[in-house]
PDB file of all heavy atoms in Angstrom:
ATOM      1  N   GLU A   1      -3.784  -0.604 -14.411  1.00  0.00           N
ATOM      2  CA  GLU A   1      -4.734  -0.887 -15.482  1.00  0.00           C
ATOM      3  C   GLU A   1      -5.807  -1.877 -15.044  1.00  0.00           C
ATOM      4  O   GLU A   1      -6.939  -1.826 -15.524  1.00  0.00           O
ATOM      5  CB  GLU A   1      -3.993  -1.431 -16.704  1.00  0.00           C
ATOM      6  CG  GLU A   1      -3.118  -0.404 -17.410  1.00  0.00           C
ATOM      7  CD  GLU A   1      -2.360  -1.005 -18.578  1.00  0.00           C
ATOM      8  OE1 GLU A   1      -2.372  -2.253 -18.726  1.00  0.00           O
ATOM      9  OE2 GLU A   1      -1.752  -0.234 -19.349  1.00  0.00           O
ATOM     10  N   THR A   2      -5.456  -2.778 -14.127  1.00  0.00           N
ATOM     11  CA  THR A   2      -6.422  -3.761 -13.625  1.00  0.00           C
ATOM     12  C   THR A   2      -7.465  -3.112 -12.731  1.00  0.00           C
ATOM     13  O   THR A   2      -8.555  -3.660 -12.538  1.00  0.00           O
ATOM     14  CB  THR A   2      -5.677  -4.881 -12.865  1.00  0.00           C
ATOM     15  OG1 THR A   2      -4.706  -5.460 -13.741  1.00  0.00           O
ATOM     16  CG2 THR A   2      -6.627  -5.974 -12.401  1.00  0.00           C
ATOM     17  N   GLY A   3      -7.155  -1.939 -12.161  1.00  0.00           N
ATOM     18  CA  GLY A   3      -8.138  -1.233 -11.354  1.00  0.00           C
ATOM     19  C   GLY A   3      -7.645  -0.686 -10.036  1.00  0.00           C
ATOM     20  O   GLY A   3      -8.412  -0.058  -9.299  1.00  0.00           O
ATOM     21  N   ALA A   4      -6.373  -0.904  -9.698  1.00  0.00           N
ATOM     22  CA  ALA A   4      -5.851  -0.378  -8.439  1.00  0.00           C
ATOM     23  C   ALA A   4      -5.784   1.148  -8.489  1.00  0.00           C
ATOM     24  O   ALA A   4      -5.357   1.732  -9.482  1.00  0.00           O
ATOM     25  CB  ALA A   4      -4.470  -0.959  -8.165  1.00  0.00           C
ATOM     26  N   ASP A   5      -6.218   1.780  -7.398  1.00  0.00           N
ATOM     27  CA  ASP A   5      -6.181   3.243  -7.330  1.00  0.00           C
ATOM     28  C   ASP A   5      -4.765   3.754  -7.090  1.00  0.00           C
ATOM     29  O   ASP A   5      -4.368   4.785  -7.640  1.00  0.00           O
ATOM     30  CB  ASP A   5      -7.099   3.723  -6.197  1.00  0.00           C
ATOM     31  CG  ASP A   5      -8.552   3.373  -6.454  1.00  0.00           C
ATOM     32  OD1 ASP A   5      -9.168   4.007  -7.335  1.00  0.00           O
ATOM     33  OD2 ASP A   5      -9.072   2.454  -5.793  1.00  0.00           O
ATOM     34  N   VAL A   6      -4.020   3.040  -6.251  1.00  0.00           N
ATOM     35  CA  VAL A   6      -2.646   3.415  -5.931  1.00  0.00           C
ATOM     36  C   VAL A   6      -1.813   2.138  -5.924  1.00  0.00           C
ATOM     37  O   VAL A   6      -2.248   1.113  -5.387  1.00  0.00           O
ATOM     38  CB  VAL A   6      -2.551   4.097  -4.543  1.00  0.00           C
ATOM     39  CG1 VAL A   6      -1.099   4.469  -4.241  1.00  0.00           C
ATOM     40  CG2 VAL A   6      -3.449   5.319  -4.479  1.00  0.00           C
ATOM     41  N   VAL A   7      -0.622   2.172  -6.517  1.00  0.00           N
ATOM     42  CA  VAL A   7       0.248   0.997  -6.531  1.00  0.00           C
ATOM     43  C   VAL A   7       1.630   1.397  -6.033  1.00  0.00           C
ATOM     44  O   VAL A   7       2.215   2.380  -6.505  1.00  0.00           O
ATOM     45  CB  VAL A   7       0.370   0.388  -7.946  1.00  0.00           C
ATOM     46  CG1 VAL A   7       1.165  -0.916  -7.873  1.00  0.00           C
ATOM     47  CG2 VAL A   7      -0.998   0.131  -8.550  1.00  0.00           C
ATOM     48  N   PHE A   8       2.149   0.632  -5.083  1.00  0.00           N
ATOM     49  CA  PHE A   8       3.483   0.860  -4.542  1.00  0.00           C
ATOM     50  C   PHE A   8       4.440  -0.185  -5.116  1.00  0.00           C
ATOM     51  O   PHE A   8       4.113  -1.374  -5.164  1.00  0.00           O
ATOM     52  CB  PHE A   8       3.476   0.759  -3.012  1.00  0.00           C
ATOM     53  CG  PHE A   8       2.470   1.654  -2.353  1.00  0.00           C
ATOM     54  CD1 PHE A   8       1.309   1.127  -1.815  1.00  0.00           C
ATOM     55  CD2 PHE A   8       2.671   3.024  -2.291  1.00  0.00           C
ATOM     56  CE1 PHE A   8       0.363   1.939  -1.204  1.00  0.00           C
ATOM     57  CE2 PHE A   8       1.734   3.857  -1.688  1.00  0.00           C
ATOM     58  CZ  PHE A   8       0.573   3.318  -1.149  1.00  0.00           C
ATOM     59  N   ASP A   9       5.613   0.262  -5.525  1.00  0.00           N
ATOM     60  CA  ASP A   9       6.645  -0.639  -6.023  1.00  0.00           C
ATOM     61  C   ASP A   9       7.526  -1.041  -4.849  1.00  0.00           C
ATOM     62  O   ASP A   9       8.277  -0.216  -4.318  1.00  0.00           O
ATOM     63  CB  ASP A   9       7.477   0.057  -7.101  1.00  0.00           C
ATOM     64  CG  ASP A   9       8.442  -0.885  -7.808  1.00  0.00           C
ATOM     65  OD1 ASP A   9       8.733  -1.970  -7.256  1.00  0.00           O
ATOM     66  OD2 ASP A   9       8.909  -0.535  -8.902  1.00  0.00           O
ATOM     67  N   ARG A  10       7.452  -2.295  -4.435  1.00  0.00           N
ATOM     68  CA  ARG A  10       8.201  -2.734  -3.251  1.00  0.00           C
ATOM     69  C   ARG A  10       9.708  -2.678  -3.473  1.00  0.00           C
ATOM     70  O   ARG A  10      10.489  -2.668  -2.513  1.00  0.00           O
ATOM     71  CB  ARG A  10       7.783  -4.147  -2.843  1.00  0.00           C
ATOM     72  CG  ARG A  10       8.152  -5.242  -3.827  1.00  0.00           C
ATOM     73  CD  ARG A  10       7.776  -6.619  -3.289  1.00  0.00           C
ATOM     74  NE  ARG A  10       8.104  -7.692  -4.219  1.00  0.00           N
ATOM     75  CZ  ARG A  10       9.313  -8.205  -4.375  1.00  0.00           C
ATOM     76  NH1 ARG A  10      10.317  -7.737  -3.636  1.00  0.00           N
ATOM     77  NH2 ARG A  10       9.534  -9.185  -5.225  1.00  0.00           N
ATOM     78  N   LEU A  11      10.138  -2.616  -4.733  1.00  0.00           N
ATOM     79  CA  LEU A  11      11.567  -2.531  -5.025  1.00  0.00           C
ATOM     80  C   LEU A  11      12.123  -1.138  -4.719  1.00  0.00           C
ATOM     81  O   LEU A  11      13.338  -0.950  -4.632  1.00  0.00           O
ATOM     82  CB  LEU A  11      11.838  -2.881  -6.493  1.00  0.00           C
ATOM     83  CG  LEU A  11      11.403  -4.282  -6.950  1.00  0.00           C
ATOM     84  CD1 LEU A  11      11.764  -4.487  -8.416  1.00  0.00           C
ATOM     85  CD2 LEU A  11      12.044  -5.365  -6.082  1.00  0.00           C
ATOM     86  N   GLU A  12      11.233  -0.173  -4.553  1.00  0.00           N
ATOM     87  CA  GLU A  12      11.661   1.195  -4.283  1.00  0.00           C
ATOM     88  C   GLU A  12      11.719   1.514  -2.797  1.00  0.00           C
ATOM     89  O   GLU A  12      12.072   2.632  -2.409  1.00  0.00           O
ATOM     90  CB  GLU A  12      10.733   2.178  -4.992  1.00  0.00           C
ATOM     91  CG  GLU A  12      10.786   2.078  -6.516  1.00  0.00           C
ATOM     92  CD  GLU A  12       9.902   3.093  -7.196  1.00  0.00           C
ATOM     93  OE1 GLU A  12       9.136   3.786  -6.488  1.00  0.00           O
ATOM     94  OE2 GLU A  12       9.968   3.205  -8.429  1.00  0.00           O
ATOM     95  N   GLY A  13      11.356   0.542  -1.952  1.00  0.00           N
ATOM     96  CA  GLY A  13      11.413   0.768  -0.511  1.00  0.00           C
ATOM     97  C   GLY A  13      10.163   0.273   0.180  1.00  0.00           C
ATOM     98  O   GLY A  13       9.232  -0.238  -0.464  1.00  0.00           O
ATOM     99  N   PRO A  14      10.104   0.402   1.526  1.00  0.00           N
ATOM    100  CA  PRO A  14       8.958  -0.086   2.304  1.00  0.00           C
ATOM    101  C   PRO A  14       7.649   0.562   1.855  1.00  0.00           C
ATOM    102  O   PRO A  14       7.568   1.791   1.749  1.00  0.00           O
ATOM    103  CB  PRO A  14       9.310   0.317   3.739  1.00  0.00           C
ATOM    104  CG  PRO A  14      10.799   0.463   3.746  1.00  0.00           C
ATOM    105  CD  PRO A  14      11.148   0.990   2.383  1.00  0.00           C
ATOM    106  N   PHE A  15       6.643  -0.274   1.584  1.00  0.00           N
ATOM    107  CA  PHE A  15       5.352   0.278   1.170  1.00  0.00           C
ATOM    108  C   PHE A  15       4.581   0.861   2.345  1.00  0.00           C
ATOM    109  O   PHE A  15       3.620   1.600   2.159  1.00  0.00           O
ATOM    110  CB  PHE A  15       4.511  -0.775   0.446  1.00  0.00           C
ATOM    111  CG  PHE A  15       4.255  -2.034   1.228  1.00  0.00           C
ATOM    112  CD1 PHE A  15       3.230  -2.095   2.165  1.00  0.00           C
ATOM    113  CD2 PHE A  15       5.020  -3.168   1.002  1.00  0.00           C
ATOM    114  CE1 PHE A  15       2.984  -3.266   2.872  1.00  0.00           C
ATOM    115  CE2 PHE A  15       4.787  -4.338   1.698  1.00  0.00           C
ATOM    116  CZ  PHE A  15       3.757  -4.395   2.643  1.00  0.00           C
ATOM    117  N   LEU A  16       4.990   0.551   3.572  1.00  0.00           N
ATOM    118  CA  LEU A  16       4.327   1.091   4.756  1.00  0.00           C
ATOM    119  C   LEU A  16       4.312   2.613   4.728  1.00  0.00           C
ATOM    120  O   LEU A  16       3.288   3.245   5.044  1.00  0.00           O
ATOM    121  CB  LEU A  16       5.031   0.583   6.014  1.00  0.00           C
ATOM    122  CG  LEU A  16       4.593   1.184   7.351  1.00  0.00           C
ATOM    123  CD1 LEU A  16       3.114   0.942   7.598  1.00  0.00           C
ATOM    124  CD2 LEU A  16       5.436   0.617   8.490  1.00  0.00           C
ATOM    125  N   ASP A  17       5.438   3.213   4.340  1.00  0.00           N
ATOM    126  CA  ASP A  17       5.511   4.673   4.287  1.00  0.00           C
ATOM    127  C   ASP A  17       4.513   5.233   3.285  1.00  0.00           C
ATOM    128  O   ASP A  17       3.845   6.249   3.536  1.00  0.00           O
ATOM    129  CB  ASP A  17       6.928   5.114   3.901  1.00  0.00           C
ATOM    130  CG  ASP A  17       7.969   4.706   4.933  1.00  0.00           C
ATOM    131  OD1 ASP A  17       7.587   4.507   6.106  1.00  0.00           O
ATOM    132  OD2 ASP A  17       9.146   4.564   4.554  1.00  0.00           O
ATOM    133  N   GLY A  18       4.391   4.553   2.131  1.00  0.00           N
ATOM    134  CA  GLY A  18       3.450   5.009   1.119  1.00  0.00           C
ATOM    135  C   GLY A  18       2.012   4.892   1.579  1.00  0.00           C
ATOM    136  O   GLY A  18       1.189   5.789   1.314  1.00  0.00           O
ATOM    137  N   VAL A  19       1.682   3.814   2.268  1.00  0.00           N
ATOM    138  CA  VAL A  19       0.321   3.621   2.771  1.00  0.00           C
ATOM    139  C   VAL A  19      -0.019   4.699   3.793  1.00  0.00           C
ATOM    140  O   VAL A  19      -1.115   5.282   3.775  1.00  0.00           O
ATOM    141  CB  VAL A  19       0.159   2.217   3.390  1.00  0.00           C
ATOM    142  CG1 VAL A  19      -1.186   2.085   4.108  1.00  0.00           C
ATOM    143  CG2 VAL A  19       0.277   1.144   2.310  1.00  0.00           C
ATOM    144  N   ARG A  20       0.898   4.970   4.689  1.00  0.00           N
ATOM    145  CA  ARG A  20       0.652   6.004   5.708  1.00  0.00           C
ATOM    146  C   ARG A  20       0.440   7.364   5.060  1.00  0.00           C
ATOM    147  O   ARG A  20      -0.451   8.126   5.468  1.00  0.00           O
ATOM    148  CB  ARG A  20       1.817   6.048   6.687  1.00  0.00           C
ATOM    149  CG  ARG A  20       1.809   4.892   7.686  1.00  0.00           C
ATOM    150  CD  ARG A  20       3.050   4.915   8.558  1.00  0.00           C
ATOM    151  NE  ARG A  20       2.939   3.960   9.661  1.00  0.00           N
ATOM    152  CZ  ARG A  20       3.951   3.582  10.434  1.00  0.00           C
ATOM    153  NH1 ARG A  20       5.171   4.088  10.218  1.00  0.00           N
ATOM    154  NH2 ARG A  20       3.759   2.712  11.406  1.00  0.00           N
ATOM    155  N   ALA A  21       1.261   7.680   4.052  1.00  0.00           N
ATOM    156  CA  ALA A  21       1.113   8.969   3.379  1.00  0.00           C
ATOM    157  C   ALA A  21      -0.209   9.043   2.620  1.00  0.00           C
ATOM    158  O   ALA A  21      -0.913  10.066   2.664  1.00  0.00           O
ATOM    159  CB  ALA A  21       2.282   9.187   2.420  1.00  0.00           C
ATOM    160  N   GLU A  22      -0.555   7.953   1.926  1.00  0.00           N
ATOM    161  CA  GLU A  22      -1.771   7.934   1.109  1.00  0.00           C
ATOM    162  C   GLU A  22      -3.033   8.011   1.962  1.00  0.00           C
ATOM    163  O   GLU A  22      -4.053   8.539   1.513  1.00  0.00           O
ATOM    164  CB  GLU A  22      -1.785   6.658   0.260  1.00  0.00           C
ATOM    165  CG  GLU A  22      -2.880   6.601  -0.772  1.00  0.00           C
ATOM    166  CD  GLU A  22      -2.749   7.668  -1.841  1.00  0.00           C
ATOM    167  OE1 GLU A  22      -1.601   8.044  -2.179  1.00  0.00           O
ATOM    168  OE2 GLU A  22      -3.797   8.138  -2.338  1.00  0.00           O
ATOM    169  N   THR A  23      -2.986   7.475   3.178  1.00  0.00           N
ATOM    170  CA  THR A  23      -4.177   7.458   4.065  1.00  0.00           C
ATOM    171  C   THR A  23      -4.092   8.508   5.157  1.00  0.00           C
ATOM    172  O   THR A  23      -4.878   8.485   6.107  1.00  0.00           O
ATOM    173  CB  THR A  23      -4.346   6.069   4.712  1.00  0.00           C
ATOM    174  OG1 THR A  23      -3.192   5.776   5.525  1.00  0.00           O
ATOM    175  CG2 THR A  23      -4.517   4.987   3.662  1.00  0.00           C
ATOM    176  N   GLU A  24      -3.116   9.427   5.021  1.00  0.00           N
ATOM    177  CA  GLU A  24      -2.915  10.501   6.001  1.00  0.00           C
ATOM    178  C   GLU A  24      -2.750   9.941   7.412  1.00  0.00           C
ATOM    179  O   GLU A  24      -3.280  10.484   8.389  1.00  0.00           O
ATOM    180  CB  GLU A  24      -4.080  11.498   5.938  1.00  0.00           C
ATOM    181  CG  GLU A  24      -4.195  12.178   4.573  1.00  0.00           C
ATOM    182  CD  GLU A  24      -5.324  13.186   4.512  1.00  0.00           C
ATOM    183  OE1 GLU A  24      -6.220  13.121   5.374  1.00  0.00           O
ATOM    184  OE2 GLU A  24      -5.304  14.032   3.605  1.00  0.00           O
ATOM    185  N   GLY A  25      -2.014   8.833   7.502  1.00  0.00           N
ATOM    186  CA  GLY A  25      -1.687   8.246   8.788  1.00  0.00           C
ATOM    187  C   GLY A  25      -2.724   7.305   9.356  1.00  0.00           C
ATOM    188  O   GLY A  25      -2.466   6.628  10.363  1.00  0.00           O
ATOM    189  N   ARG A  26      -3.891   7.215   8.739  1.00  0.00           N
ATOM    190  CA  ARG A  26      -4.975   6.385   9.279  1.00  0.00           C
ATOM    191  C   ARG A  26      -4.706   4.898   9.101  1.00  0.00           C
ATOM    192  O   ARG A  26      -4.969   4.093   9.983  1.00  0.00           O
ATOM    193  CB  ARG A  26      -6.298   6.750   8.598  1.00  0.00           C
ATOM    194  CG  ARG A  26      -7.484   5.880   9.041  1.00  0.00           C
ATOM    195  CD  ARG A  26      -8.731   6.228   8.238  1.00  0.00           C
ATOM    196  NE  ARG A  26      -9.881   5.434   8.663  1.00  0.00           N
ATOM    197  CZ  ARG A  26     -10.165   4.206   8.246  1.00  0.00           C
ATOM    198  NH1 ARG A  26      -9.333   3.606   7.376  1.00  0.00           N
ATOM    199  NH2 ARG A  26     -11.223   3.567   8.676  1.00  0.00           N
ATOM    200  N   GLY A  27      -4.222   4.506   7.938  1.00  0.00           N
ATOM    201  CA  GLY A  27      -4.085   3.101   7.610  1.00  0.00           C
ATOM    202  C   GLY A  27      -5.292   2.596   6.847  1.00  0.00           C
ATOM    203  O   GLY A  27      -6.304   3.303   6.692  1.00  0.00           O
ATOM    204  N   VAL A  28      -5.206   1.374   6.354  1.00  0.00           N
ATOM    205  CA  VAL A  28      -6.298   0.786   5.565  1.00  0.00           C
ATOM    206  C   VAL A  28      -7.181  -0.092   6.451  1.00  0.00           C
ATOM    207  O   VAL A  28      -6.778  -0.565   7.507  1.00  0.00           O
ATOM    208  CB  VAL A  28      -5.744  -0.062   4.394  1.00  0.00           C
ATOM    209  CG1 VAL A  28      -5.004   0.820   3.400  1.00  0.00           C
ATOM    210  CG2 VAL A  28      -4.855  -1.193   4.889  1.00  0.00           C
ATOM    211  N   ASP A  29      -8.416  -0.305   5.990  1.00  0.00           N
ATOM    212  CA  ASP A  29      -9.359  -1.128   6.751  1.00  0.00           C
ATOM    213  C   ASP A  29      -9.039  -2.613   6.654  1.00  0.00           C
ATOM    214  O   ASP A  29      -9.285  -3.370   7.602  1.00  0.00           O
ATOM    215  CB  ASP A  29     -10.789  -0.887   6.232  1.00  0.00           C
ATOM    216  CG  ASP A  29     -11.215   0.557   6.378  1.00  0.00           C
ATOM    217  OD1 ASP A  29     -11.413   0.988   7.523  1.00  0.00           O
ATOM    218  OD2 ASP A  29     -11.309   1.256   5.351  1.00  0.00           O
ATOM    219  N   LEU A  30      -8.520  -3.021   5.500  1.00  0.00           N
ATOM    220  CA  LEU A  30      -8.285  -4.443   5.260  1.00  0.00           C
ATOM    221  C   LEU A  30      -6.997  -4.638   4.480  1.00  0.00           C
ATOM    222  O   LEU A  30      -6.715  -3.890   3.539  1.00  0.00           O
ATOM    223  CB  LEU A  30      -9.467  -5.027   4.465  1.00  0.00           C
ATOM    224  CG  LEU A  30      -9.392  -6.484   4.008  1.00  0.00           C
ATOM    225  CD1 LEU A  30      -9.368  -7.429   5.195  1.00  0.00           C
ATOM    226  CD2 LEU A  30     -10.587  -6.817   3.102  1.00  0.00           C
ATOM    227  N   VAL A  31      -6.214  -5.640   4.868  1.00  0.00           N
ATOM    228  CA  VAL A  31      -5.044  -6.073   4.092  1.00  0.00           C
ATOM    229  C   VAL A  31      -5.296  -7.498   3.626  1.00  0.00           C
ATOM    230  O   VAL A  31      -5.673  -8.363   4.426  1.00  0.00           O
ATOM    231  CB  VAL A  31      -3.743  -6.030   4.914  1.00  0.00           C
ATOM    232  CG1 VAL A  31      -2.605  -6.688   4.132  1.00  0.00           C
ATOM    233  CG2 VAL A  31      -3.371  -4.598   5.281  1.00  0.00           C
ATOM    234  N   LEU A  32      -5.106  -7.738   2.341  1.00  0.00           N
ATOM    235  CA  LEU A  32      -5.205  -9.088   1.778  1.00  0.00           C
ATOM    236  C   LEU A  32      -3.796  -9.488   1.367  1.00  0.00           C
ATOM    237  O   LEU A  32      -3.222  -8.909   0.445  1.00  0.00           O
ATOM    238  CB  LEU A  32      -6.146  -9.093   0.573  1.00  0.00           C
ATOM    239  CG  LEU A  32      -6.471 -10.467  -0.021  1.00  0.00           C
ATOM    240  CD1 LEU A  32      -7.212 -11.333   0.989  1.00  0.00           C
ATOM    241  CD2 LEU A  32      -7.301 -10.313  -1.290  1.00  0.00           C
ATOM    242  N   ASP A  33      -3.248 -10.493   2.058  1.00  0.00           N
ATOM    243  CA  ASP A  33      -1.834 -10.822   1.866  1.00  0.00           C
ATOM    244  C   ASP A  33      -1.628 -12.277   1.473  1.00  0.00           C
ATOM    245  O   ASP A  33      -2.226 -13.186   2.049  1.00  0.00           O
ATOM    246  CB  ASP A  33      -1.058 -10.548   3.155  1.00  0.00           C
ATOM    247  CG  ASP A  33       0.417 -10.886   2.998  1.00  0.00           C
ATOM    248  OD1 ASP A  33       1.056 -10.305   2.101  1.00  0.00           O
ATOM    249  OD2 ASP A  33       0.917 -11.742   3.750  1.00  0.00           O
ATOM    250  N   SER A  34      -0.748 -12.489   0.501  1.00  0.00           N
ATOM    251  CA  SER A  34      -0.341 -13.831   0.105  1.00  0.00           C
ATOM    252  C   SER A  34       1.163 -14.000   0.177  1.00  0.00           C
ATOM    253  O   SER A  34       1.684 -15.086  -0.053  1.00  0.00           O
ATOM    254  CB  SER A  34      -0.800 -14.114  -1.334  1.00  0.00           C
ATOM    255  OG  SER A  34      -0.145 -13.222  -2.230  1.00  0.00           O
ATOM    256  N   VAL A  35       1.877 -12.931   0.487  1.00  0.00           N
ATOM    257  CA  VAL A  35       3.331 -12.951   0.456  1.00  0.00           C
ATOM    258  C   VAL A  35       3.900 -13.599   1.718  1.00  0.00           C
ATOM    259  O   VAL A  35       4.861 -14.353   1.674  1.00  0.00           O
ATOM    260  CB  VAL A  35       3.882 -11.523   0.265  1.00  0.00           C
ATOM    261  CG1 VAL A  35       5.401 -11.522   0.288  1.00  0.00           C
ATOM    262  CG2 VAL A  35       3.366 -10.942  -1.051  1.00  0.00           C
ATOM    263  N   GLY A  36       3.303 -13.295   2.877  1.00  0.00           N
ATOM    264  CA  GLY A  36       3.717 -13.948   4.109  1.00  0.00           C
ATOM    265  C   GLY A  36       4.885 -13.277   4.792  1.00  0.00           C
ATOM    266  O   GLY A  36       4.893 -12.068   5.027  1.00  0.00           O
TER     267      GLY A  36
END
């Protein structure tokens, strides 16, 4: 609702797999991380 196009629930497993599937293996241009 805030505006994200795709949201992964980290409680359901590694989000890396979802990112790879969503970007057809390319990956994203930028990661903004605060979790560490």
